[in-house]
Amino acid sequence: MSVIKKILTSVVFFLIVFTLISAAADLYYHHRLMHPKPEDKGWTCRCDFRVYWTAGYKLINYAFPALAAQYPEDPEYREKLEEYVGPNKARVYDTSEPFYHFRYSPVTAFFMVPFALITYPANALVVWFILLNIALTAALFLLTRWISSDFNLSAGARSIVLWSAFMAALRFYLMSMAVGQSDVIVALFFVIFLAAYVGENEAAGGIMFALILLFKPFFLPALLYFLLAGKKKLVFSALAGFVVLSFAPAVVIGFDKAWMLLKDWVGILNFSVPSQILNYKNQSITYFIGKHLMNFSAVKSSVSAEQLFFILGAAFTVLAYSVLLYFKKAHMAANDRSFRYLEVSLVIIITLLFSPLVWVAHFIYLIVPGAVAAVFVMKSRDRGRQYVALALFFGFSVIAGTDITKFVPVLSKMHFANIAVGAFFLAYALVSSYSRRKL
């Protein structure tokens, strides 16, 4: 029995399992996303990596015209690509081009420049998948190492934290692979941010949060919580870092072009967010409640759906922040290092629950609260309800709506914010286990 326990708790065993899962996912999704010509079905689908790669391609033509002639694609491929993205290369963002739907910051587009120098789609996808796998592996092991060090965990407990973080992230990792999203990289940023925040290095934490905002601006309201929590240096560092990093491309392309790109980015967000906010795939609790409120004629006649969702999102978020701050004060946790783990975990969950627009892949950020919940529950008294809450989280968020439940008609056909509902139970497990922790 001890031999089996050693195998199950060993890092080598975890790496073998992770490698098998990631390799299978890499091969499956590489085949699914790889289509060599723009006119093929795979090219014109809404695969996020195609959008990212096209951003890098356009940006090279915009900022590095000398490199554009050195592309590895054959002339026929480039001709079809230019036909698809449009012949006008004077502007990167153009409402008449499909590239207009690149909803990410210019810094993110610059990040994709090296990938755009690699043949699309086959080779570029291979490199991108390798990067995502490295990012997730780094996030899992750094998170486990830092938590284990702070809470003085045994080898068995470390293994539980590692596997808990992996299982909390697995569905959303596979979703990120399926569309080629960058959320795995942002999850790594959150792990690094957590370490800086717990270690009270507010300047470093602010810079990491600035990077998060450049990839995912919907986390901007979180700065309000940190401001109310007295983390002024963190907020200042985040805002200053955001501004500096936003204009970093000016070093290469000049201030005027950098400013134009930023204005276009804001324009894209103003266009794309309202256009997607009513998408039935939106996992936000705000969307779920707002959608049903719009069935009332009095509400529908007085406010647009977009306005209602933003109002509800703001109200829910402020209320949740107020409750968290009250909880912090009631437990006199201002100087409690373990409470900082709870803070970051709940700020992530609050954002995912109440932002007006949240996609499934965004929930990979639950890697942080998933790992924190594991260690809190292990150190808690009266774990019965917490185990039930974690089971409900796993059922709603990780299993429901996947191929595992496709044989259940009600689950396979419903459009319900089940992942967000599961996150509520994860939040309960976190708060309950912290309140009942062994002192």
Protein backbone atom coordinates (compact mmCIF):
# COMPACT_ATOMS: atom_id res chain seq x y z
CA MET A 1 0.00 0.00 0.00
CA SER A 2 2.83 2.41 0.81
CA VAL A 3 4.37 1.73 -2.62
CA ILE A 4 1.07 2.61 -4.34
CA LYS A 5 0.77 5.74 -2.21
CA LYS A 6 4.29 6.81 -3.15
CA ILE A 7 3.53 6.30 -6.83
CA LEU A 8 0.26 8.23 -6.71
CA THR A 9 1.82 11.12 -4.81
CA SER A 10 5.02 11.32 -6.85
CA VAL A 11 5.77 14.19 -9.20
CA VAL A 12 6.90 11.71 -11.84
CA PHE A 13 3.47 10.04 -11.87
CA PHE A 14 1.76 13.40 -12.22
CA LEU A 15 4.04 14.39 -15.10
CA ILE A 16 3.33 11.11 -16.88
CA VAL A 17 -0.43 11.64 -16.59
CA PHE A 18 -0.14 15.29 -17.62
CA THR A 19 2.07 14.43 -20.59
CA LEU A 20 -0.37 11.78 -21.82
CA ILE A 21 -3.35 14.11 -21.52
CA SER A 22 -1.58 17.11 -23.05
CA ALA A 23 -0.09 15.07 -25.90
CA ALA A 24 -3.49 13.62 -26.76
CA ALA A 25 -5.06 17.09 -26.63
CA ASP A 26 -2.24 18.59 -28.70
CA LEU A 27 -2.62 16.00 -31.44
CA TYR A 28 -6.42 16.14 -31.47
CA TYR A 29 -6.76 19.90 -31.54
CA HIS A 30 -3.81 20.39 -33.88
CA HIS A 31 -5.58 18.20 -36.41
CA ARG A 32 -8.86 19.98 -35.77
CA LEU A 33 -7.46 23.50 -36.18
CA MET A 34 -4.92 22.86 -38.89
CA HIS A 35 -6.14 23.83 -42.36
CA PRO A 36 -3.52 25.00 -44.85
CA LYS A 37 -5.63 27.41 -46.94
CA PRO A 38 -7.69 30.42 -45.85
CA GLU A 39 -10.73 29.28 -47.82
CA ASP A 40 -10.93 26.04 -45.84
CA LYS A 41 -13.58 25.74 -43.16
CA GLY A 42 -11.07 25.71 -40.34
CA TRP A 43 -9.61 29.04 -41.37
CA THR A 44 -12.88 30.93 -41.43
CA CYS A 45 -14.08 29.50 -38.12
CA ARG A 46 -13.74 31.55 -34.94
CA CYS A 47 -10.59 29.78 -33.80
CA ASP A 48 -8.84 32.23 -31.52
CA PHE A 49 -5.34 31.23 -32.52
CA ARG A 50 -6.13 32.15 -36.11
CA VAL A 51 -7.12 35.60 -34.85
CA TYR A 52 -3.94 35.88 -32.78
CA TRP A 53 -1.71 34.73 -35.62
CA THR A 54 -3.37 37.10 -38.09
CA ALA A 55 -2.74 39.94 -35.63
CA GLY A 56 0.95 39.18 -35.66
CA TYR A 57 0.92 38.89 -39.44
CA LYS A 58 -0.78 42.26 -39.87
CA LEU A 59 1.45 43.91 -37.32
CA ILE A 60 4.60 42.78 -39.12
CA ASN A 61 3.33 44.40 -42.30
CA TYR A 62 2.49 47.47 -40.26
CA ALA A 63 5.63 47.78 -38.13
CA PHE A 64 8.28 45.64 -39.83
CA PRO A 65 7.69 45.79 -43.59
CA ALA A 66 11.21 44.49 -44.26
CA LEU A 67 10.28 41.22 -42.55
CA ALA A 68 7.05 40.82 -44.51
CA ALA A 69 8.94 39.70 -47.61
CA GLN A 70 10.64 36.92 -45.68
CA TYR A 71 7.51 34.95 -44.82
CA PRO A 72 7.78 31.17 -45.05
CA GLU A 73 4.45 30.81 -46.88
CA ASP A 74 4.38 30.06 -50.60
CA PRO A 75 3.17 32.82 -53.01
CA GLU A 76 -0.21 31.16 -53.56
CA TYR A 77 -0.80 30.98 -49.81
CA ARG A 78 0.16 34.60 -49.28
CA GLU A 79 -2.09 35.73 -52.13
CA LYS A 80 -5.07 33.95 -50.58
CA LEU A 81 -4.19 35.26 -47.13
CA GLU A 82 -4.02 38.84 -48.38
CA GLU A 83 -7.32 38.31 -50.12
CA TYR A 84 -8.78 37.21 -46.80
CA VAL A 85 -7.34 39.86 -44.49
CA GLY A 86 -7.61 42.65 -47.07
CA PRO A 87 -5.02 44.39 -49.23
CA ASN A 88 -4.91 47.56 -47.15
CA LYS A 89 -1.93 47.28 -44.80
CA ALA A 90 -1.75 50.97 -43.92
CA ARG A 91 -3.82 50.27 -40.79
CA VAL A 92 -3.75 47.20 -38.63
CA TYR A 93 -7.30 47.64 -37.36
CA ASP A 94 -9.84 48.19 -40.09
CA THR A 95 -13.58 47.74 -39.59
CA SER A 96 -13.88 46.41 -43.12
CA GLU A 97 -11.51 43.53 -42.39
CA PRO A 98 -12.02 40.36 -40.34
CA PHE A 99 -8.96 41.37 -38.33
CA TYR A 100 -11.08 44.12 -36.84
CA HIS A 101 -12.43 41.49 -34.46
CA PHE A 102 -9.03 41.17 -32.78
CA ARG A 103 -10.22 42.26 -29.35
CA TYR A 104 -6.87 42.23 -27.61
CA SER A 105 -4.36 44.93 -26.86
CA PRO A 106 -1.61 46.00 -29.29
CA VAL A 107 0.90 44.53 -26.82
CA THR A 108 -0.80 41.16 -27.26
CA ALA A 109 -0.49 41.54 -31.03
CA PHE A 110 3.22 42.29 -30.65
CA PHE A 111 3.53 39.17 -28.52
CA MET A 112 2.28 37.19 -31.52
CA VAL A 113 4.83 38.61 -33.98
CA PRO A 114 7.30 35.72 -33.50
CA PHE A 115 4.50 33.22 -34.14
CA ALA A 116 3.52 35.03 -37.32
CA LEU A 117 7.03 34.37 -38.62
CA ILE A 118 6.33 30.64 -38.36
CA THR A 119 4.37 28.85 -41.07
CA TYR A 120 0.65 28.88 -40.35
CA PRO A 121 -1.07 26.76 -39.35
CA ALA A 122 0.89 23.57 -38.76
CA ASN A 123 4.21 24.76 -37.34
CA ALA A 124 2.79 27.82 -35.62
CA LEU A 125 0.20 25.69 -33.82
CA VAL A 126 2.87 23.25 -32.63
CA VAL A 127 4.89 26.07 -31.08
CA TRP A 128 1.76 27.65 -29.58
CA PHE A 129 0.62 24.37 -28.01
CA ILE A 130 4.10 23.77 -26.59
CA LEU A 131 4.01 27.25 -25.03
CA LEU A 132 0.57 26.63 -23.49
CA ASN A 133 1.69 23.30 -22.03
CA ILE A 134 4.80 24.89 -20.55
CA ALA A 135 2.71 27.73 -19.10
CA LEU A 136 0.25 25.35 -17.44
CA THR A 137 3.02 23.13 -16.08
CA ALA A 138 4.83 26.15 -14.66
CA ALA A 139 1.60 27.50 -13.13
CA LEU A 140 0.79 24.17 -11.46
CA PHE A 141 4.22 23.58 -9.99
CA LEU A 142 4.89 27.16 -8.91
CA LEU A 143 1.47 27.36 -7.27
CA THR A 144 1.99 24.06 -5.45
CA ARG A 145 5.49 24.98 -4.37
CA TRP A 146 4.53 28.36 -2.93
CA ILE A 147 1.43 27.03 -1.15
CA SER A 148 3.37 24.07 0.25
CA SER A 149 6.08 26.36 1.57
CA ASP A 150 3.65 28.78 3.22
CA PHE A 151 1.51 26.07 4.81
CA ASN A 152 4.33 23.59 5.56
CA LEU A 153 2.65 20.72 3.73
CA SER A 154 3.72 17.10 3.69
CA ALA A 155 4.48 15.27 0.44
CA GLY A 156 0.98 13.78 0.42
CA ALA A 157 -0.67 17.15 1.01
CA ARG A 158 1.43 18.75 -1.74
CA SER A 159 0.20 16.08 -4.10
CA ILE A 160 -3.42 16.82 -3.19
CA VAL A 161 -2.90 20.52 -3.91
CA LEU A 162 -1.21 19.77 -7.24
CA TRP A 163 -3.92 17.38 -8.40
CA SER A 164 -6.69 19.71 -7.17
CA ALA A 165 -5.29 22.63 -9.15
CA PHE A 166 -4.94 20.42 -12.22
CA MET A 167 -8.47 19.04 -12.00
CA ALA A 168 -9.91 22.52 -11.42
CA ALA A 169 -8.16 23.73 -14.58
CA LEU A 170 -8.43 20.64 -16.81
CA ARG A 171 -11.71 21.34 -18.60
CA PHE A 172 -10.76 24.92 -19.27
CA TYR A 173 -7.24 23.99 -20.33
CA LEU A 174 -8.73 21.69 -22.95
CA MET A 175 -11.09 24.47 -24.03
CA SER A 176 -8.13 26.86 -24.40
CA MET A 177 -6.38 24.26 -26.52
CA ALA A 178 -9.51 23.74 -28.59
CA VAL A 179 -9.60 27.36 -29.73
CA GLY A 180 -5.96 28.29 -29.21
CA GLN A 181 -6.71 30.91 -26.54
CA SER A 182 -4.17 32.66 -24.32
CA ASP A 183 -5.97 32.06 -21.01
CA VAL A 184 -3.40 29.46 -19.91
CA ILE A 185 -0.71 32.15 -20.09
CA VAL A 186 -2.89 34.56 -18.09
CA ALA A 187 -3.42 31.82 -15.50
CA LEU A 188 0.36 31.71 -15.06
CA PHE A 189 0.34 35.49 -14.61
CA PHE A 190 -2.25 35.06 -11.84
CA VAL A 191 -0.08 32.51 -10.06
CA ILE A 192 2.86 34.93 -10.12
CA PHE A 193 0.58 37.76 -9.01
CA LEU A 194 -0.61 35.61 -6.09
CA ALA A 195 2.96 35.03 -4.95
CA ALA A 196 3.72 38.76 -5.09
CA TYR A 197 0.49 39.65 -3.28
CA VAL A 198 0.95 37.09 -0.51
CA GLY A 199 4.55 38.24 -0.11
CA GLU A 200 3.36 41.87 0.14
CA ASN A 201 5.43 42.89 -2.87
CA GLU A 202 2.84 45.34 -4.14
CA ALA A 203 4.99 46.86 -6.87
CA ALA A 204 5.66 43.48 -8.50
CA GLY A 205 2.04 42.48 -7.99
CA GLY A 206 0.87 45.65 -9.70
CA ILE A 207 3.09 45.04 -12.73
CA MET A 208 1.80 41.48 -13.04
CA PHE A 209 -1.76 42.73 -12.77
CA ALA A 210 -1.02 45.23 -15.54
CA LEU A 211 0.00 42.30 -17.75
CA ILE A 212 -3.23 40.53 -16.87
CA LEU A 213 -5.25 43.61 -17.83
CA LEU A 214 -3.49 43.88 -21.19
CA PHE A 215 -4.68 40.36 -22.00
CA LYS A 216 -8.02 40.43 -20.14
CA PRO A 217 -9.29 43.98 -19.42
CA PHE A 218 -12.45 42.71 -17.71
CA PHE A 219 -10.37 42.27 -14.53
CA LEU A 220 -10.07 46.07 -14.25
CA PRO A 221 -12.79 46.34 -11.52
CA ALA A 222 -10.57 44.21 -9.26
CA LEU A 223 -8.38 47.27 -8.78
CA LEU A 224 -11.31 48.85 -6.91
CA TYR A 225 -11.17 46.06 -4.35
CA PHE A 226 -7.42 46.41 -3.87
CA LEU A 227 -7.84 50.17 -3.50
CA LEU A 228 -10.54 49.71 -0.85
CA ALA A 229 -8.32 47.12 0.84
CA GLY A 230 -5.59 49.75 1.21
CA LYS A 231 -3.23 48.37 -1.46
CA LYS A 232 -2.54 51.78 -2.97
CA LYS A 233 0.96 50.93 -4.15
CA LEU A 234 -0.38 47.87 -5.98
CA VAL A 235 -3.10 49.90 -7.69
CA PHE A 236 -0.67 52.65 -8.67
CA SER A 237 1.85 50.11 -9.98
CA ALA A 238 -0.86 48.36 -11.97
CA LEU A 239 -2.13 51.56 -13.57
CA ALA A 240 1.37 52.89 -14.23
CA GLY A 241 2.48 49.53 -15.59
CA PHE A 242 -0.59 49.35 -17.81
CA VAL A 243 0.14 52.76 -19.32
CA VAL A 244 3.85 52.07 -19.81
CA LEU A 245 3.26 48.64 -21.33
CA SER A 246 0.46 49.96 -23.54
CA PHE A 247 2.86 52.44 -25.09
CA ALA A 248 5.79 50.01 -25.20
CA PRO A 249 5.22 49.42 -28.95
CA ALA A 250 6.04 53.10 -29.49
CA VAL A 251 9.70 52.20 -29.01
CA VAL A 252 9.49 50.29 -32.29
CA ILE A 253 6.73 51.99 -34.30
CA GLY A 254 6.67 55.51 -32.86
CA PHE A 255 4.21 57.28 -30.58
CA ASP A 256 1.69 58.28 -33.26
CA LYS A 257 1.22 54.74 -34.56
CA ALA A 258 1.11 53.33 -31.04
CA TRP A 259 -1.54 55.86 -30.06
CA MET A 260 -3.59 54.98 -33.13
CA LEU A 261 -3.46 51.29 -32.25
CA LEU A 262 -4.65 52.01 -28.72
CA LYS A 263 -7.55 54.11 -29.97
CA ASP A 264 -8.52 51.36 -32.38
CA TRP A 265 -8.37 48.82 -29.54
CA VAL A 266 -10.82 50.88 -27.49
CA GLY A 267 -13.04 51.15 -30.54
CA ILE A 268 -12.94 47.39 -31.01
CA LEU A 269 -13.93 46.79 -27.39
CA ASN A 270 -16.79 49.28 -27.66
CA PHE A 271 -18.03 47.40 -30.71
CA SER A 272 -17.32 43.78 -29.89
CA VAL A 273 -18.28 43.50 -26.21
CA PRO A 274 -21.88 44.73 -26.70
CA SER A 275 -22.17 42.58 -29.83
CA GLN A 276 -21.20 39.44 -27.88
CA ILE A 277 -22.80 40.13 -24.53
CA LEU A 278 -26.06 38.37 -25.48
CA ASN A 279 -24.25 35.28 -26.75
CA TYR A 280 -25.88 32.19 -25.22
CA LYS A 281 -22.41 30.84 -24.41
CA ASN A 282 -21.87 33.69 -21.94
CA GLN A 283 -21.25 32.02 -18.55
CA SER A 284 -21.73 35.14 -16.42
CA ILE A 285 -24.28 35.12 -13.60
CA THR A 286 -24.93 38.74 -14.53
CA TYR A 287 -25.92 37.61 -18.03
CA PHE A 288 -28.12 34.82 -16.70
CA ILE A 289 -30.03 37.13 -14.34
CA GLY A 290 -30.14 40.04 -16.79
CA LYS A 291 -31.45 37.87 -19.61
CA HIS A 292 -34.43 36.82 -17.49
CA LEU A 293 -35.06 40.37 -16.28
CA MET A 294 -35.31 41.48 -19.92
CA ASN A 295 -38.41 39.30 -20.24
CA PHE A 296 -40.29 41.91 -18.19
CA SER A 297 -41.69 44.60 -20.46
CA ALA A 298 -41.12 47.35 -17.88
CA VAL A 299 -37.40 46.55 -17.79
CA LYS A 300 -37.08 46.03 -21.54
CA SER A 301 -38.71 49.37 -22.32
CA SER A 302 -36.55 51.39 -19.94
CA VAL A 303 -33.01 50.06 -20.50
CA SER A 304 -31.05 48.16 -23.13
CA ALA A 305 -29.73 44.69 -22.39
CA GLU A 306 -26.13 45.92 -22.49
CA GLN A 307 -26.86 48.75 -20.05
CA LEU A 308 -28.73 46.42 -17.72
CA PHE A 309 -25.90 43.89 -17.71
CA PHE A 310 -23.26 46.51 -16.93
CA ILE A 311 -25.41 47.99 -14.15
CA LEU A 312 -26.05 44.57 -12.65
CA GLY A 313 -22.41 43.57 -12.99
CA ALA A 314 -21.25 46.73 -11.23
CA ALA A 315 -23.82 46.35 -8.43
CA PHE A 316 -23.06 42.66 -7.83
CA THR A 317 -19.31 43.28 -7.90
CA VAL A 318 -19.40 46.19 -5.45
CA LEU A 319 -21.69 44.21 -3.13
CA ALA A 320 -19.35 41.20 -3.24
CA TYR A 321 -16.32 43.39 -2.55
CA SER A 322 -18.13 44.97 0.41
CA VAL A 323 -18.95 41.55 1.88
CA LEU A 324 -15.35 40.39 1.44
CA LEU A 325 -14.00 43.53 3.12
CA TYR A 326 -16.47 43.10 6.00
CA PHE A 327 -15.42 39.45 6.33
CA LYS A 328 -11.78 40.55 6.45
CA LYS A 329 -12.50 43.08 9.17
CA ALA A 330 -14.68 40.69 11.19
CA HIS A 331 -11.92 38.07 11.20
CA MET A 332 -9.21 40.68 11.90
CA ALA A 333 -7.30 39.25 8.98
CA ALA A 334 -5.44 42.36 7.82
CA ASN A 335 -2.09 40.80 8.70
CA ASP A 336 -3.05 37.18 8.09
CA ARG A 337 -0.91 35.72 5.32
CA SER A 338 -3.37 32.89 4.62
CA PHE A 339 -6.20 35.40 4.16
CA ARG A 340 -4.34 36.91 1.21
CA TYR A 341 -4.71 33.55 -0.54
CA LEU A 342 -8.44 33.78 0.13
CA GLU A 343 -8.58 37.37 -1.10
CA VAL A 344 -7.01 36.68 -4.47
CA SER A 345 -9.09 33.53 -4.91
CA LEU A 346 -12.36 35.32 -4.21
CA VAL A 347 -11.47 38.35 -6.35
CA ILE A 348 -10.93 35.95 -9.26
CA ILE A 349 -14.23 34.18 -8.62
CA ILE A 350 -16.16 37.44 -8.17
CA THR A 351 -14.86 38.71 -11.51
CA LEU A 352 -15.76 35.48 -13.30
CA LEU A 353 -19.24 35.45 -11.77
CA PHE A 354 -20.27 39.05 -12.29
CA SER A 355 -18.42 40.40 -15.30
CA PRO A 356 -21.06 41.03 -18.00
CA LEU A 357 -19.24 38.77 -20.47
CA VAL A 358 -17.31 35.62 -19.50
CA TRP A 359 -16.38 32.70 -21.75
CA VAL A 360 -15.79 29.11 -20.65
CA ALA A 361 -12.02 29.30 -21.24
CA HIS A 362 -11.74 32.15 -18.71
CA PHE A 363 -12.52 29.77 -15.87
CA ILE A 364 -9.04 28.28 -16.09
CA TYR A 365 -8.18 31.04 -13.63
CA LEU A 366 -9.92 28.83 -11.05
CA ILE A 367 -6.59 27.04 -10.88
CA VAL A 368 -5.72 29.45 -8.05
CA PRO A 369 -8.88 29.12 -5.91
CA GLY A 370 -8.93 25.37 -6.66
CA ALA A 371 -5.47 24.88 -5.14
CA VAL A 372 -6.18 27.24 -2.23
CA ALA A 373 -9.46 25.46 -1.45
CA ALA A 374 -7.62 22.15 -1.31
CA VAL A 375 -5.17 23.29 1.36
CA PHE A 376 -7.81 25.22 3.32
CA VAL A 377 -10.12 22.20 3.47
CA MET A 378 -7.27 19.95 4.59
CA LYS A 379 -6.60 22.34 7.48
CA SER A 380 -10.26 22.81 8.37
CA ARG A 381 -12.55 21.33 11.00
CA ASP A 382 -15.97 19.84 10.14
CA ARG A 383 -15.18 19.21 6.47
CA GLY A 384 -18.45 17.47 5.54
CA ARG A 385 -20.20 20.47 3.99
CA GLN A 386 -16.99 21.59 2.36
CA TYR A 387 -16.58 18.22 0.63
CA VAL A 388 -20.17 18.48 -0.61
CA ALA A 389 -19.50 22.00 -1.90
CA LEU A 390 -16.35 20.86 -3.72
CA ALA A 391 -18.25 17.91 -5.22
CA LEU A 392 -20.96 20.28 -6.46
CA PHE A 393 -18.31 22.59 -7.89
CA PHE A 394 -16.71 19.70 -9.72
CA GLY A 395 -20.08 18.45 -10.99
CA PHE A 396 -21.39 21.79 -12.20
CA SER A 397 -18.17 23.39 -13.41
CA VAL A 398 -15.91 20.58 -14.57
CA ILE A 399 -18.28 17.83 -15.71
CA ALA A 400 -21.72 19.22 -16.67
CA GLY A 401 -21.98 20.18 -20.32
CA THR A 402 -18.97 18.12 -21.46
CA ASP A 403 -18.87 14.89 -23.45
CA ILE A 404 -19.26 13.04 -20.15
CA THR A 405 -22.84 14.33 -19.81
CA LYS A 406 -23.79 14.54 -23.48
CA PHE A 407 -25.94 11.44 -23.02
CA VAL A 408 -28.15 13.38 -20.60
CA PRO A 409 -30.51 15.40 -22.85
CA VAL A 410 -31.30 18.04 -20.24
CA LEU A 411 -27.62 18.79 -19.66
CA SER A 412 -26.50 18.55 -23.28
CA LYS A 413 -29.15 20.93 -24.65
CA MET A 414 -29.52 23.51 -21.90
CA HIS A 415 -27.86 26.90 -22.08
CA PHE A 416 -27.21 27.56 -18.43
CA ALA A 417 -24.44 29.26 -16.46
CA ASN A 418 -23.55 25.94 -14.83
CA ILE A 419 -19.83 26.69 -14.59
CA ALA A 420 -20.49 29.94 -12.73
CA VAL A 421 -22.95 28.16 -10.41
CA GLY A 422 -20.24 25.65 -9.60
CA ALA A 423 -17.85 28.50 -8.83
CA PHE A 424 -20.32 29.69 -6.17
CA PHE A 425 -19.85 26.37 -4.36
CA LEU A 426 -16.07 26.70 -4.69
CA ALA A 427 -16.31 30.15 -3.08
CA TYR A 428 -18.38 28.67 -0.26
CA ALA A 429 -15.79 25.95 0.33
CA LEU A 430 -13.07 28.60 0.50
CA VAL A 431 -14.88 30.86 2.95
CA SER A 432 -16.19 28.01 5.08
CA SER A 433 -12.83 26.27 5.37
CA TYR A 434 -11.03 29.52 6.21
CA SER A 435 -13.59 30.27 8.93
CA ARG A 436 -13.17 26.77 10.39
CA ARG A 437 -9.42 26.51 9.99
CA LYS A 438 -7.35 24.91 12.73
CA LEU A 439 -5.44 27.66 14.50
